[in-house]
Amino acid sequence: MNLNGVKLTWLGHATFRIETPARKTIMIDPWVMGNPMCPEKDKDVKKVDVLLCTHGHFDHIGDAVTIAKKHNPTVVAIPELAHWLEKKGVKNVAGMNKGGTQTIGDIKVTMVHADHSCGIQDGDQLVYGGEACGYVIEFSNRLKIYHAGDTNVFGDMAIIRDLYSPEIAMLPIGDHYTMSPREAAYACKLLKPKTVIPMHFGTFPVLVGRPGELQKLVPDIDVVELKPGVTISHEQQIQRPELRRA
């Protein structure tokens, strides 16, 4: 996995912090305070320039409003979720829909499909939050990363491969609410990434899928299990002992 100047940190579950070559900070699916896998040192968010939200479930937007109000990032979400965030007082919301691409600073963000439900728990109400989505992020160094969000495998992942060719795919593997390693392995056949970073596993007992299971099913793809809170920035760093290879 060659990040070529991009710094990548998994904060547990589906939450990632990414530093671009221009030192802008992206956060995907901001759930840190209640996230049992997020290290304590990372729960006090210091900086965010771009906030990407895949859908409105609590374990993906739990801290979106708080972080957005504190740091005033550009917030990207599907229109219905974007509207809800604006109603909660979030500024600088850049709503978009599937197939669209936005340039934000030194990155291009494309919203793509995800096969999942979406409802926002707002007090004692469940509010429609639009459809779930994923993102393809293209950096100034030409690196492309696909964050699938919460999803099952779907055939049009082949279109994501054909149109965007992401080198790195962040795929949920936990089972029950998303793909298990079996479905994620089929997703790999469609996407053909060089590297897969598993996510959305181990947070709750029901999320039983594990990276080692996926690696056995896709021996020709590099499956990299990150340790929450550890930042990687170039190929050699994935060999460090605090990073567990599947």
Protein backbone atom coordinates (compact mmCIF):
# COMPACT_ATOMS: atom_id res chain seq x y z
CA MET A 1 0.00 0.00 0.00
CA ASN A 2 1.68 3.18 -1.19
CA LEU A 3 -0.04 6.25 0.26
CA ASN A 4 2.40 8.66 -1.40
CA GLY A 5 2.12 11.42 1.19
CA VAL A 6 -1.42 10.72 2.41
CA LYS A 7 -1.69 9.96 6.13
CA LEU A 8 -4.38 7.51 7.13
CA THR A 9 -5.76 6.74 10.61
CA TRP A 10 -8.54 4.30 11.45
CA LEU A 11 -10.45 5.38 14.55
CA GLY A 12 -12.47 2.18 14.83
CA HIS A 13 -15.74 1.05 13.27
CA ALA A 14 -16.18 3.05 10.00
CA THR A 15 -14.47 6.24 11.18
CA PHE A 16 -11.29 7.37 9.46
CA ARG A 17 -9.10 10.45 9.66
CA ILE A 18 -7.10 11.25 6.54
CA GLU A 19 -4.49 13.97 6.02
CA THR A 20 -4.07 15.07 2.42
CA PRO A 21 -0.75 16.02 0.79
CA ALA A 22 -1.75 19.66 1.37
CA ARG A 23 -2.23 18.85 5.09
CA LYS A 24 -5.99 19.18 5.04
CA THR A 25 -7.83 16.83 7.41
CA ILE A 26 -10.71 14.67 6.21
CA MET A 27 -12.92 12.74 8.61
CA ILE A 28 -15.26 10.02 7.34
CA ASP A 29 -18.29 8.92 9.39
CA PRO A 30 -17.56 10.89 12.57
CA TRP A 31 -18.38 8.68 15.53
CA VAL A 32 -15.71 9.05 18.19
CA MET A 33 -17.09 9.88 21.64
CA GLY A 34 -19.29 6.80 21.94
CA ASN A 35 -17.14 4.60 19.74
CA PRO A 36 -15.66 1.89 22.00
CA MET A 37 -12.83 1.23 19.53
CA CYS A 38 -11.71 4.86 19.27
CA PRO A 39 -8.64 5.58 21.46
CA GLU A 40 -9.17 8.20 24.14
CA LYS A 41 -6.48 10.44 22.66
CA ASP A 42 -8.47 10.72 19.42
CA LYS A 43 -11.84 11.53 20.97
CA ASP A 44 -10.86 15.19 21.33
CA VAL A 45 -10.92 16.13 17.64
CA LYS A 46 -8.37 18.86 16.97
CA LYS A 47 -8.98 19.70 13.32
CA VAL A 48 -11.34 18.81 10.47
CA ASP A 49 -11.47 20.53 7.07
CA VAL A 50 -13.79 18.09 5.27
CA LEU A 51 -16.44 15.86 6.87
CA LEU A 52 -17.89 13.02 4.79
CA CYS A 53 -21.04 11.28 6.03
CA THR A 54 -22.13 8.02 4.37
CA HIS A 55 -25.54 7.77 6.06
CA GLY A 56 -27.51 8.80 9.11
CA HIS A 57 -27.17 5.88 11.54
CA PHE A 58 -25.84 6.88 14.97
CA ASP A 59 -22.63 4.90 14.60
CA HIS A 60 -21.71 7.00 11.55
CA ILE A 61 -22.89 10.53 12.35
CA GLY A 62 -22.93 10.41 16.16
CA ASP A 63 -20.55 13.37 16.50
CA ALA A 64 -21.14 15.07 13.13
CA VAL A 65 -23.06 18.05 14.52
CA THR A 66 -20.67 18.66 17.42
CA ILE A 67 -17.55 18.40 15.26
CA ALA A 68 -19.02 20.51 12.46
CA LYS A 69 -20.04 23.31 14.81
CA LYS A 70 -16.61 23.33 16.45
CA HIS A 71 -14.41 23.19 13.34
CA ASN A 72 -16.69 24.48 10.52
CA PRO A 73 -15.54 21.98 7.89
CA THR A 74 -17.14 21.46 4.50
CA VAL A 75 -19.72 18.75 5.26
CA VAL A 76 -20.67 16.37 2.46
CA ALA A 77 -23.82 14.26 2.64
CA ILE A 78 -26.76 13.13 0.54
CA PRO A 79 -29.43 15.91 0.34
CA GLU A 80 -31.84 14.58 2.97
CA LEU A 81 -29.09 14.08 5.53
CA ALA A 82 -27.56 17.42 4.52
CA HIS A 83 -30.90 19.12 5.20
CA TRP A 84 -31.15 17.51 8.64
CA LEU A 85 -27.63 18.65 9.51
CA GLU A 86 -28.48 22.21 8.48
CA LYS A 87 -31.59 22.11 10.68
CA LYS A 88 -29.28 21.19 13.57
CA GLY A 89 -27.25 24.35 12.97
CA VAL A 90 -24.41 22.94 10.84
CA LYS A 91 -22.95 25.49 8.42
CA ASN A 92 -21.06 24.96 5.18
CA VAL A 93 -22.99 21.86 4.15
CA ALA A 94 -22.28 20.71 0.59
CA GLY A 95 -25.11 18.33 -0.22
CA MET A 96 -24.73 16.12 -3.28
CA ASN A 97 -26.08 12.91 -4.77
CA LYS A 98 -24.84 9.69 -6.27
CA GLY A 99 -22.73 10.08 -9.39
CA GLY A 100 -21.80 13.65 -8.52
CA THR A 101 -18.25 14.87 -7.93
CA GLN A 102 -17.12 17.88 -5.91
CA THR A 103 -13.68 19.44 -5.71
CA ILE A 104 -12.96 20.51 -2.13
CA GLY A 105 -9.51 21.93 -1.57
CA ASP A 106 -6.97 19.43 -2.90
CA ILE A 107 -9.36 16.46 -3.20
CA LYS A 108 -12.15 15.33 -5.49
CA VAL A 109 -15.06 13.54 -3.82
CA THR A 110 -17.45 11.34 -5.79
CA MET A 111 -20.57 9.93 -4.16
CA VAL A 112 -21.36 6.35 -5.15
CA HIS A 113 -24.02 3.80 -4.32
CA ALA A 114 -24.30 1.71 -1.15
CA ASP A 115 -26.84 -1.02 -0.43
CA HIS A 116 -28.06 -0.29 3.09
CA SER A 117 -30.86 1.35 5.08
CA CYS A 118 -30.79 4.87 6.47
CA GLY A 119 -32.72 6.44 9.32
CA ILE A 120 -31.70 9.24 11.66
CA GLN A 121 -32.59 8.77 15.32
CA ASP A 122 -33.67 12.30 16.29
CA GLY A 123 -34.87 12.19 19.88
CA ASP A 124 -37.80 9.77 19.94
CA GLN A 125 -38.32 10.05 16.17
CA LEU A 126 -36.78 8.14 13.30
CA VAL A 127 -36.24 10.62 10.47
CA TYR A 128 -35.68 9.66 6.85
CA GLY A 129 -32.07 10.44 6.00
CA GLY A 130 -31.98 9.71 2.28
CA GLU A 131 -30.16 6.72 0.86
CA ALA A 132 -26.88 5.37 2.17
CA CYS A 133 -23.82 6.02 0.01
CA GLY A 134 -20.09 5.50 -0.33
CA TYR A 135 -17.32 7.84 -1.51
CA VAL A 136 -14.39 7.70 -3.87
CA ILE A 137 -11.75 10.23 -2.85
CA GLU A 138 -9.09 11.28 -5.34
CA PHE A 139 -6.04 13.07 -3.94
CA SER A 140 -3.68 15.48 -5.68
CA ASN A 141 -1.09 12.69 -5.91
CA ARG A 142 -3.63 10.67 -8.01
CA LEU A 143 -4.26 8.13 -5.23
CA LYS A 144 -7.90 7.00 -5.08
CA ILE A 145 -9.53 5.54 -1.97
CA TYR A 146 -13.02 4.03 -1.87
CA HIS A 147 -14.91 4.13 1.44
CA ALA A 148 -17.87 1.83 0.91
CA GLY A 149 -19.89 2.99 3.91
CA ASP A 150 -22.27 0.37 5.27
CA THR A 151 -23.23 -1.91 2.41
CA ASN A 152 -23.80 -5.37 1.08
CA VAL A 153 -21.98 -6.36 -2.08
CA PHE A 154 -23.76 -5.16 -5.24
CA GLY A 155 -23.00 -5.79 -8.89
CA ASP A 156 -22.39 -2.15 -9.73
CA MET A 157 -19.20 -2.23 -7.71
CA ALA A 158 -17.81 -3.26 -11.10
CA ILE A 159 -18.88 0.17 -12.39
CA ILE A 160 -17.00 1.82 -9.51
CA ARG A 161 -13.95 -0.15 -10.65
CA ASP A 162 -14.41 0.78 -14.31
CA LEU A 163 -15.06 4.47 -13.72
CA TYR A 164 -12.76 5.28 -10.78
CA SER A 165 -10.31 2.37 -10.27
CA PRO A 166 -9.65 2.93 -6.54
CA GLU A 167 -6.35 1.41 -5.41
CA ILE A 168 -7.50 1.14 -1.78
CA ALA A 169 -10.94 -0.05 -0.70
CA MET A 170 -12.27 0.37 2.85
CA LEU A 171 -14.85 -2.41 3.14
CA PRO A 172 -17.16 -3.42 6.00
CA ILE A 173 -16.73 -7.08 6.94
CA GLY A 174 -18.49 -7.47 10.30
CA ASP A 175 -21.61 -9.33 9.08
CA HIS A 176 -25.15 -8.92 10.50
CA TYR A 177 -25.60 -5.25 9.46
CA THR A 178 -23.20 -5.27 6.49
CA MET A 179 -21.14 -7.68 4.42
CA SER A 180 -19.39 -10.60 6.03
CA PRO A 181 -15.94 -11.63 4.76
CA ARG A 182 -17.67 -13.89 2.21
CA GLU A 183 -19.56 -11.01 0.57
CA ALA A 184 -16.57 -8.70 0.94
CA ALA A 185 -14.45 -11.23 -0.97
CA TYR A 186 -16.93 -11.08 -3.83
CA ALA A 187 -16.78 -7.28 -3.65
CA CYS A 188 -13.02 -7.55 -4.08
CA LYS A 189 -13.54 -9.56 -7.28
CA LEU A 190 -15.68 -6.73 -8.62
CA LEU A 191 -13.55 -3.82 -7.40
CA LYS A 192 -10.09 -5.35 -7.97
CA PRO A 193 -8.30 -3.05 -5.49
CA LYS A 194 -4.62 -3.46 -4.66
CA THR A 195 -5.32 -3.10 -0.95
CA VAL A 196 -8.36 -3.65 1.28
CA ILE A 197 -8.70 -2.05 4.70
CA PRO A 198 -11.41 -3.90 6.67
CA MET A 199 -13.79 -1.85 8.83
CA HIS A 200 -17.08 -2.15 10.71
CA PHE A 201 -16.05 -5.27 12.61
CA GLY A 202 -15.46 -6.09 16.27
CA THR A 203 -17.19 -3.00 17.63
CA PHE A 204 -20.15 -4.99 18.95
CA PRO A 205 -20.36 -8.74 19.67
CA VAL A 206 -22.68 -9.29 16.71
CA LEU A 207 -20.03 -8.01 14.25
CA VAL A 208 -18.20 -11.31 14.03
CA GLY A 209 -16.35 -11.04 10.69
CA ARG A 210 -12.57 -10.74 10.90
CA PRO A 211 -9.83 -9.60 8.48
CA GLY A 212 -8.05 -12.94 8.60
CA GLU A 213 -11.14 -14.62 7.17
CA LEU A 214 -11.20 -12.16 4.29
CA GLN A 215 -7.49 -12.59 3.56
CA LYS A 216 -7.94 -16.36 3.20
CA LEU A 217 -10.64 -15.74 0.59
CA VAL A 218 -8.64 -13.17 -1.41
CA PRO A 219 -5.01 -14.35 -1.23
CA ASP A 220 -3.95 -12.13 -4.14
CA ILE A 221 -5.12 -8.90 -2.46
CA ASP A 222 -3.29 -7.19 0.39
CA VAL A 223 -5.69 -7.14 3.36
CA VAL A 224 -4.34 -4.72 5.96
CA GLU A 225 -5.81 -4.72 9.47
CA LEU A 226 -5.13 -1.36 11.06
CA LYS A 227 -4.91 -0.74 14.78
CA PRO A 228 -7.23 2.10 15.90
CA GLY A 229 -5.37 5.37 16.43
CA VAL A 230 -2.16 4.39 14.60
CA THR A 231 -1.35 6.60 11.61
CA ILE A 232 0.23 5.18 8.47
CA SER A 233 1.77 7.40 5.82
CA HIS A 234 3.85 5.21 3.52
CA GLU A 235 4.25 1.63 2.43
CA GLN A 236 6.88 0.63 4.96
CA GLN A 237 4.80 1.63 7.95
CA ILE A 238 2.34 -1.23 7.55
CA GLN A 239 5.11 -3.55 8.74
CA ARG A 240 5.34 -1.89 12.15
CA PRO A 241 4.41 -4.19 15.07
CA GLU A 242 1.50 -2.02 16.21
CA LEU A 243 -0.18 -2.76 12.88
CA ARG A 244 -1.54 -6.28 12.60
CA ARG A 245 -1.43 -7.86 9.16
CA ALA A 246 -4.38 -10.16 8.66
